[in-house]
C-alpha atoms as a PDB file:
ATOM      1  CA  UNK A   1       9.772  15.566  17.485  1.00  0.00           C
ATOM      2  CA  UNK A   2      12.826  14.920  15.004  1.00  0.00           C
ATOM      3  CA  UNK A   3      12.385  12.526  12.075  1.00  0.00           C
ATOM      4  CA  UNK A   4      15.350  10.998  10.141  1.00  0.00           C
ATOM      5  CA  UNK A   5      14.940   9.028   6.808  1.00  0.00           C
ATOM      6  CA  UNK A   6      17.209   6.026   6.239  1.00  0.00           C
ATOM      7  CA  UNK A   7      15.644   4.976   2.997  1.00  0.00           C
ATOM      8  CA  UNK A   8      12.759   2.720   2.139  1.00  0.00           C
ATOM      9  CA  UNK A   9      10.475   2.975   5.150  1.00  0.00           C
ATOM     10  CA  UNK A  10      13.154   3.109   7.622  1.00  0.00           C
ATOM     11  CA  UNK A  11      12.990   6.121   9.929  1.00  0.00           C
ATOM     12  CA  UNK A  12      14.408   7.261  13.150  1.00  0.00           C
ATOM     13  CA  UNK A  13      11.928   9.395  15.528  1.00  0.00           C
ATOM     14  CA  UNK A  14      13.311  11.116  18.606  1.00  0.00           C
ATOM     15  CA  UNK A  15      10.614  12.132  21.017  1.00  0.00           C
ATOM     16  CA  UNK A  16      11.243  13.742  24.355  1.00  0.00           C
ATOM     17  CA  UNK A  17      14.523  12.154  24.524  1.00  0.00           C
ATOM     18  CA  UNK A  18      13.480   8.846  23.553  1.00  0.00           C
ATOM     19  CA  UNK A  19      14.599   7.158  20.164  1.00  0.00           C
ATOM     20  CA  UNK A  20      12.374   4.924  18.012  1.00  0.00           C
ATOM     21  CA  UNK A  21      13.599   3.228  14.892  1.00  0.00           C
ATOM     22  CA  UNK A  22      10.764   2.071  12.183  1.00  0.00           C
ATOM     23  CA  UNK A  23      11.082  -0.653   9.938  1.00  0.00           C
ATOM     24  CA  UNK A  24      14.845  -0.995   9.699  1.00  0.00           C
ATOM     25  CA  UNK A  25      16.093  -2.008   6.402  1.00  0.00           C
ATOM     26  CA  UNK A  26      19.046  -0.380   5.775  1.00  0.00           C
ATOM     27  CA  UNK A  27      22.160  -2.996   5.429  1.00  0.00           C
ATOM     28  CA  UNK A  28      20.264  -4.709   2.383  1.00  0.00           C
ATOM     29  CA  UNK A  29      19.435  -1.225   0.773  1.00  0.00           C
ATOM     30  CA  UNK A  30      21.815  -0.186  -1.819  1.00  0.00           C
ATOM     31  CA  UNK A  31      20.917   3.431  -1.641  1.00  0.00           C
ATOM     32  CA  UNK A  32      21.635   3.284   2.358  1.00  0.00           C
ATOM     33  CA  UNK A  33      24.017   0.664   3.466  1.00  0.00           C
ATOM     34  CA  UNK A  34      27.133   2.736   2.914  1.00  0.00           C
ATOM     35  CA  UNK A  35      25.654   5.995   4.388  1.00  0.00           C
ATOM     36  CA  UNK A  36      24.084   4.534   7.664  1.00  0.00           C
ATOM     37  CA  UNK A  37      26.041   2.760  10.304  1.00  0.00           C
ATOM     38  CA  UNK A  38      23.275   0.708  12.132  1.00  0.00           C
ATOM     39  CA  UNK A  39      25.523   0.114  15.068  1.00  0.00           C
ATOM     40  CA  UNK A  40      25.639   3.757  15.757  1.00  0.00           C
ATOM     41  CA  UNK A  41      21.719   4.157  15.728  1.00  0.00           C
ATOM     42  CA  UNK A  42      20.213   4.897  19.161  1.00  0.00           C
ATOM     43  CA  UNK A  43      16.952   3.033  19.761  1.00  0.00           C
ATOM     44  CA  UNK A  44      14.783   2.572  22.840  1.00  0.00           C
ATOM     45  CA  UNK A  45      11.905   1.140  20.828  1.00  0.00           C
ATOM     46  CA  UNK A  46      11.776  -0.550  17.181  1.00  0.00           C
ATOM     47  CA  UNK A  47       8.431  -0.469  15.462  1.00  0.00           C
ATOM     48  CA  UNK A  48       7.627  -2.893  12.821  1.00  0.00           C
ATOM     49  CA  UNK A  49       4.923  -2.487  10.518  1.00  0.00           C
ATOM     50  CA  UNK A  50       4.854  -5.861   9.100  1.00  0.00           C
ATOM     51  CA  UNK A  51       7.093  -8.836   8.490  1.00  0.00           C
ATOM     52  CA  UNK A  52       8.556  -8.285   5.086  1.00  0.00           C
ATOM     53  CA  UNK A  53      12.483  -8.256   4.689  1.00  0.00           C
ATOM     54  CA  UNK A  54      12.534  -4.839   3.525  1.00  0.00           C
ATOM     55  CA  UNK A  55      11.068  -3.732   6.805  1.00  0.00           C
ATOM     56  CA  UNK A  56      12.476  -5.994   9.327  1.00  0.00           C
ATOM     57  CA  UNK A  57      16.115  -6.773   8.147  1.00  0.00           C
ATOM     58  CA  UNK A  58      18.171  -4.969  10.657  1.00  0.00           C
ATOM     59  CA  UNK A  59      15.911  -5.240  13.751  1.00  0.00           C
ATOM     60  CA  UNK A  60      17.430  -8.067  15.407  1.00  0.00           C
ATOM     61  CA  UNK A  61      20.933  -6.311  15.030  1.00  0.00           C
ATOM     62  CA  UNK A  62      19.716  -3.010  16.243  1.00  0.00           C
ATOM     63  CA  UNK A  63      17.786  -4.441  19.048  1.00  0.00           C
ATOM     64  CA  UNK A  64      20.832  -6.658  20.262  1.00  0.00           C
ATOM     65  CA  UNK A  65      22.986  -3.663  19.983  1.00  0.00           C
ATOM     66  CA  UNK A  66      20.669  -1.278  22.100  1.00  0.00           C
ATOM     67  CA  UNK A  67      18.246  -3.372  24.165  1.00  0.00           C
ATOM     68  CA  UNK A  68      15.418  -1.766  22.274  1.00  0.00           C
ATOM     69  CA  UNK A  69      11.939  -3.240  22.848  1.00  0.00           C
ATOM     70  CA  UNK A  70      10.192  -4.378  19.507  1.00  0.00           C
ATOM     71  CA  UNK A  71       6.548  -3.121  18.968  1.00  0.00           C
ATOM     72  CA  UNK A  72       4.471  -4.617  16.309  1.00  0.00           C
ATOM     73  CA  UNK A  73       1.442  -7.124  15.861  1.00  0.00           C
ATOM     74  CA  UNK A  74       0.903 -10.074  18.119  1.00  0.00           C
ATOM     75  CA  UNK A  75       2.661 -12.640  15.864  1.00  0.00           C
ATOM     76  CA  UNK A  76       5.727 -10.400  14.917  1.00  0.00           C
ATOM     77  CA  UNK A  77       6.138  -9.762  18.582  1.00  0.00           C
ATOM     78  CA  UNK A  78       6.003 -13.394  19.584  1.00  0.00           C
ATOM     79  CA  UNK A  79       8.566 -14.272  16.954  1.00  0.00           C
ATOM     80  CA  UNK A  80      10.950 -12.008  18.342  1.00  0.00           C
ATOM     81  CA  UNK A  81       9.958 -12.844  22.216  1.00  0.00           C
ATOM     82  CA  UNK A  82      10.775 -16.445  21.141  1.00  0.00           C
ATOM     83  CA  UNK A  83      14.311 -15.351  20.225  1.00  0.00           C
ATOM     84  CA  UNK A  84      14.982 -13.463  23.688  1.00  0.00           C
ATOM     85  CA  UNK A  85      13.947  -9.924  22.721  1.00  0.00           C
ATOM     86  CA  UNK A  86      11.948  -7.538  24.657  1.00  0.00           C
ATOM     87  CA  UNK A  87       8.649  -6.824  22.930  1.00  0.00           C
ATOM     88  CA  UNK A  88       5.200  -5.245  23.088  1.00  0.00           C
ATOM     89  CA  UNK A  89       2.568  -6.816  21.131  1.00  0.00           C
ATOM     90  CA  UNK A  90      -0.336  -5.003  19.643  1.00  0.00           C
ATOM     91  CA  UNK A  91      -3.101  -5.230  17.230  1.00  0.00           C
ATOM     92  CA  UNK A  92      -5.480  -3.093  15.285  1.00  0.00           C
ATOM     93  CA  UNK A  93      -7.357  -0.810  16.933  1.00  0.00           C
ATOM     94  CA  UNK A  94      -5.430  -0.971  20.058  1.00  0.00           C
ATOM     95  CA  UNK A  95      -3.157   1.982  21.545  1.00  0.00           C
ATOM     96  CA  UNK A  96      -0.770   2.187  24.421  1.00  0.00           C
ATOM     97  CA  UNK A  97       0.863   4.919  26.347  1.00  0.00           C
ATOM     98  CA  UNK A  98       4.739   4.484  25.936  1.00  0.00           C
ATOM     99  CA  UNK A  99       7.348   6.687  27.867  1.00  0.00           C
ATOM    100  CA  UNK A 100       7.420   9.087  24.707  1.00  0.00           C
ATOM    101  CA  UNK A 101       3.756   9.185  23.769  1.00  0.00           C
ATOM    102  CA  UNK A 102       0.631   7.339  22.700  1.00  0.00           C
ATOM    103  CA  UNK A 103       0.908   4.867  19.941  1.00  0.00           C
ATOM    104  CA  UNK A 104      -2.158   3.234  18.038  1.00  0.00           C
ATOM    105  CA  UNK A 105      -1.925   0.370  15.647  1.00  0.00           C
ATOM    106  CA  UNK A 106      -4.204   0.861  12.685  1.00  0.00           C
ATOM    107  CA  UNK A 107      -5.306  -1.034   9.556  1.00  0.00           C
ATOM    108  CA  UNK A 108      -3.200  -1.467   6.526  1.00  0.00           C
ATOM    109  CA  UNK A 109      -3.867  -3.543   3.260  1.00  0.00           C
ATOM    110  CA  UNK A 110      -0.884  -5.672   2.213  1.00  0.00           C
ATOM    111  CA  UNK A 111       0.455  -9.038   3.191  1.00  0.00           C
ATOM    112  CA  UNK A 112       2.939  -9.936   5.777  1.00  0.00           C
ATOM    113  CA  UNK A 113       5.163 -13.068   5.973  1.00  0.00           C
ATOM    114  CA  UNK A 114       8.773 -13.430   7.319  1.00  0.00           C
ATOM    115  CA  UNK A 115      11.511 -14.167   4.813  1.00  0.00           C
ATOM    116  CA  UNK A 116      11.227 -17.929   5.595  1.00  0.00           C
ATOM    117  CA  UNK A 117       7.553 -17.884   4.572  1.00  0.00           C
ATOM    118  CA  UNK A 118       6.173 -17.948   7.947  1.00  0.00           C
ATOM    119  CA  UNK A 119       3.222 -16.093   8.868  1.00  0.00           C
ATOM    120  CA  UNK A 120       3.607 -12.457  10.118  1.00  0.00           C
ATOM    121  CA  UNK A 121       0.220 -11.544  11.223  1.00  0.00           C
ATOM    122  CA  UNK A 122      -1.685  -8.759   9.649  1.00  0.00           C
ATOM    123  CA  UNK A 123       0.153  -5.729   8.490  1.00  0.00           C
ATOM    124  CA  UNK A 124      -0.447  -2.188  10.050  1.00  0.00           C
ATOM    125  CA  UNK A 125       0.423   1.467  10.494  1.00  0.00           C
ATOM    126  CA  UNK A 126       1.088   3.314  13.435  1.00  0.00           C
ATOM    127  CA  UNK A 127      -0.308   6.946  14.637  1.00  0.00           C
ATOM    128  CA  UNK A 128       2.022   8.263  17.097  1.00  0.00           C
ATOM    129  CA  UNK A 129       1.256  11.297  19.623  1.00  0.00           C
ATOM    130  CA  UNK A 130       4.099  12.880  21.413  1.00  0.00           C
ATOM    131  CA  UNK A 131       5.407  16.285  22.095  1.00  0.00           C
ATOM    132  CA  UNK A 132       2.073  17.894  20.975  1.00  0.00           C
ATOM    133  CA  UNK A 133       2.525  16.375  17.564  1.00  0.00           C
ATOM    134  CA  UNK A 134       0.710  13.555  15.821  1.00  0.00           C
ATOM    135  CA  UNK A 135       1.959  11.681  13.025  1.00  0.00           C
ATOM    136  CA  UNK A 136       0.634   8.697  10.805  1.00  0.00           C
ATOM    137  CA  UNK A 137       3.038   5.987   9.655  1.00  0.00           C
ATOM    138  CA  UNK A 138       0.929   4.233   6.915  1.00  0.00           C
ATOM    139  CA  UNK A 139       3.393   1.278   6.261  1.00  0.00           C
ATOM    140  CA  UNK A 140       2.943  -0.641   3.301  1.00  0.00           C
ATOM    141  CA  UNK A 141      -0.761  -0.416   1.961  1.00  0.00           C
ATOM    142  CA  UNK A 142      -3.076   0.200  -0.732  1.00  0.00           C
ATOM    143  CA  UNK A 143      -5.242   3.201  -0.435  1.00  0.00           C
ATOM    144  CA  UNK A 144      -8.300   2.264   2.047  1.00  0.00           C
ATOM    145  CA  UNK A 145     -11.298   3.876   3.437  1.00  0.00           C
ATOM    146  CA  UNK A 146     -10.224   3.047   6.825  1.00  0.00           C
ATOM    147  CA  UNK A 147      -7.678   6.053   6.687  1.00  0.00           C
ATOM    148  CA  UNK A 148     -11.038   8.062   7.046  1.00  0.00           C
ATOM    149  CA  UNK A 149     -11.180   6.839  10.646  1.00  0.00           C
ATOM    150  CA  UNK A 150      -7.833   8.492  11.664  1.00  0.00           C
ATOM    151  CA  UNK A 151      -8.904  12.177  11.753  1.00  0.00           C
ATOM    152  CA  UNK A 152     -11.924  11.357  13.609  1.00  0.00           C
ATOM    153  CA  UNK A 153      -9.573  10.652  16.862  1.00  0.00           C
ATOM    154  CA  UNK A 154      -6.447  12.548  15.546  1.00  0.00           C
ATOM    155  CA  UNK A 155      -5.284  15.721  14.074  1.00  0.00           C
ATOM    156  CA  UNK A 156      -2.388  15.042  12.124  1.00  0.00           C
ATOM    157  CA  UNK A 157       0.733  16.971  11.659  1.00  0.00           C
ATOM    158  CA  UNK A 158       2.408  14.735   9.298  1.00  0.00           C
ATOM    159  CA  UNK A 159       1.291  11.711   7.109  1.00  0.00           C
ATOM    160  CA  UNK A 160       4.132   9.350   6.250  1.00  0.00           C
ATOM    161  CA  UNK A 161       2.992   7.636   2.987  1.00  0.00           C
ATOM    162  CA  UNK A 162       4.145   4.942   0.741  1.00  0.00           C
ATOM    163  CA  UNK A 163       4.461   6.286  -2.835  1.00  0.00           C
ATOM    164  CA  UNK A 164       6.308   4.035  -4.912  1.00  0.00           C
ATOM    165  CA  UNK A 165       3.291   2.099  -6.261  1.00  0.00           C
ATOM    166  CA  UNK A 166       3.375  -1.713  -7.862  1.00  0.00           C
ATOM    167  CA  UNK A 167       3.378  -3.101  -4.100  1.00  0.00           C
ATOM    168  CA  UNK A 168       1.905   0.040  -2.436  1.00  0.00           C
ATOM    169  CA  UNK A 169      -0.033   2.977  -3.257  1.00  0.00           C
ATOM    170  CA  UNK A 170       1.383   5.272  -6.045  1.00  0.00           C
ATOM    171  CA  UNK A 171       1.564   9.037  -6.267  1.00  0.00           C
ATOM    172  CA  UNK A 172      -2.081   9.598  -7.289  1.00  0.00           C
ATOM    173  CA  UNK A 173      -3.568   7.230  -4.470  1.00  0.00           C
ATOM    174  CA  UNK A 174      -1.369   8.792  -1.923  1.00  0.00           C
ATOM    175  CA  UNK A 175      -2.852  12.102  -2.704  1.00  0.00           C
ATOM    176  CA  UNK A 176      -6.178  10.659  -2.087  1.00  0.00           C
ATOM    177  CA  UNK A 177      -4.927   9.170   1.074  1.00  0.00           C
ATOM    178  CA  UNK A 178      -3.746  12.462   2.235  1.00  0.00           C
ATOM    179  CA  UNK A 179      -7.311  13.739   1.727  1.00  0.00           C
ATOM    180  CA  UNK A 180      -8.633  10.978   3.817  1.00  0.00           C
ATOM    181  CA  UNK A 181      -6.315  11.496   6.749  1.00  0.00           C
ATOM    182  CA  UNK A 182      -6.813  15.307   6.434  1.00  0.00           C
ATOM    183  CA  UNK A 183      -3.098  16.085   6.137  1.00  0.00           C
ATOM    184  CA  UNK A 184      -1.365  18.357   3.760  1.00  0.00           C
ATOM    185  CA  UNK A 185       2.103  17.627   4.872  1.00  0.00           C
ATOM    186  CA  UNK A 186       3.291  14.530   3.525  1.00  0.00           C
ATOM    187  CA  UNK A 187       6.692  12.587   4.010  1.00  0.00           C
ATOM    188  CA  UNK A 188       7.142  10.238   0.857  1.00  0.00           C
ATOM    189  CA  UNK A 189       8.475   6.728   1.569  1.00  0.00           C
ATOM    190  CA  UNK A 190       8.953   3.185  -0.201  1.00  0.00           C
ATOM    191  CA  UNK A 191      10.054   4.384  -3.366  1.00  0.00           C
ATOM    192  CA  UNK A 192      13.588   4.178  -5.543  1.00  0.00           C
ATOM    193  CA  UNK A 193      15.020   1.266  -3.437  1.00  0.00           C
ATOM    194  CA  UNK A 194      14.634  -1.004  -6.579  1.00  0.00           C
ATOM    195  CA  UNK A 195      13.395  -0.992 -10.026  1.00  0.00           C
ATOM    196  CA  UNK A 196       9.779  -1.624  -9.418  1.00  0.00           C
ATOM    197  CA  UNK A 197       9.377   1.284  -7.201  1.00  0.00           C
ATOM    198  CA  UNK A 198      11.454   4.062  -8.876  1.00  0.00           C
ATOM    199  CA  UNK A 199       9.494   7.237  -9.298  1.00  0.00           C
ATOM    200  CA  UNK A 200       9.879  10.635 -10.998  1.00  0.00           C
ATOM    201  CA  UNK A 201      10.652  13.091  -8.199  1.00  0.00           C
ATOM    202  CA  UNK A 202       9.813  16.256  -9.903  1.00  0.00           C
ATOM    203  CA  UNK A 203       6.406  14.919 -11.174  1.00  0.00           C
ATOM    204  CA  UNK A 204       5.644  13.598  -7.650  1.00  0.00           C
ATOM    205  CA  UNK A 205       6.184  16.895  -6.018  1.00  0.00           C
ATOM    206  CA  UNK A 206       4.353  18.696  -8.971  1.00  0.00           C
ATOM    207  CA  UNK A 207       1.278  16.420  -8.448  1.00  0.00           C
ATOM    208  CA  UNK A 208       1.106  16.865  -4.680  1.00  0.00           C
ATOM    209  CA  UNK A 209       1.819  20.501  -4.987  1.00  0.00           C
ATOM    210  CA  UNK A 210      -1.120  20.840  -7.572  1.00  0.00           C
ATOM    211  CA  UNK A 211      -3.303  19.114  -5.171  1.00  0.00           C
ATOM    212  CA  UNK A 212      -2.512  21.913  -2.497  1.00  0.00           C
ATOM    213  CA  UNK A 213       0.026  19.456  -0.614  1.00  0.00           C
ATOM    214  CA  UNK A 214       3.622  19.612   0.413  1.00  0.00           C
ATOM    215  CA  UNK A 215       5.398  16.404  -0.411  1.00  0.00           C
ATOM    216  CA  UNK A 216       8.920  15.817   1.090  1.00  0.00           C
ATOM    217  CA  UNK A 217      11.402  13.452  -0.226  1.00  0.00           C
ATOM    218  CA  UNK A 218      14.357  13.367   2.075  1.00  0.00           C
ATOM    219  CA  UNK A 219      17.818  12.332   1.203  1.00  0.00           C
ATOM    220  CA  UNK A 220      19.348   9.405   3.061  1.00  0.00           C
ATOM    221  CA  UNK A 221      20.049  10.728   6.579  1.00  0.00           C
ATOM    222  CA  UNK A 222      18.357  14.065   6.121  1.00  0.00           C
ATOM    223  CA  UNK A 223      16.071  15.156   8.955  1.00  0.00           C
ATOM    224  CA  UNK A 224      12.842  17.164   9.602  1.00  0.00           C
ATOM    225  CA  UNK A 225      11.569  18.562  12.836  1.00  0.00           C
ATOM    226  CA  UNK A 226       8.069  19.049  13.707  1.00  0.00           C
END
């Protein structure tokens, strides 16, 4: 399993020769728009945690270019199906076996609306199992006790958690979240994109280290392998 960071909550995940794009917000992100060409991205699936613009902006362009199937909650899937895209609708607690592995849609506490204000269903996260590895993509969320349910059915190799504060969990709550999901290897997302969520990288890494955890803050385009 190979994971590449494109800024904000945008990721590319390669599992078993299949390519997954998560929450593509690249062309509107000043940190990534000159570093990542969305037309060069490979995608068999696009996973969307919720409908906010900083998570869906480039979904249509990538789906048109690649023919990718959009996977999200029922309302978001319907939104894109009506536009002619291939979709796979999910909802909280449900799971599905895709070609690359198993995906479960789990709870998140946030809001979800499209840029025009229309309803985007309830936000969520994804637990993905593939190539004998399991990762948790929290999406935009507050700290929630529901996170404690995840390790009851899955042993995580990586937790991808928002750490920018203000709109989501901050550093301290993300450390608690990593305890809840019983995972000490963390990839931080949803930080630095704009003023409200800028963080002190050294302080963030120090706090996680002091908690006995490994926080990774990747550069745009940088990858890790599990």
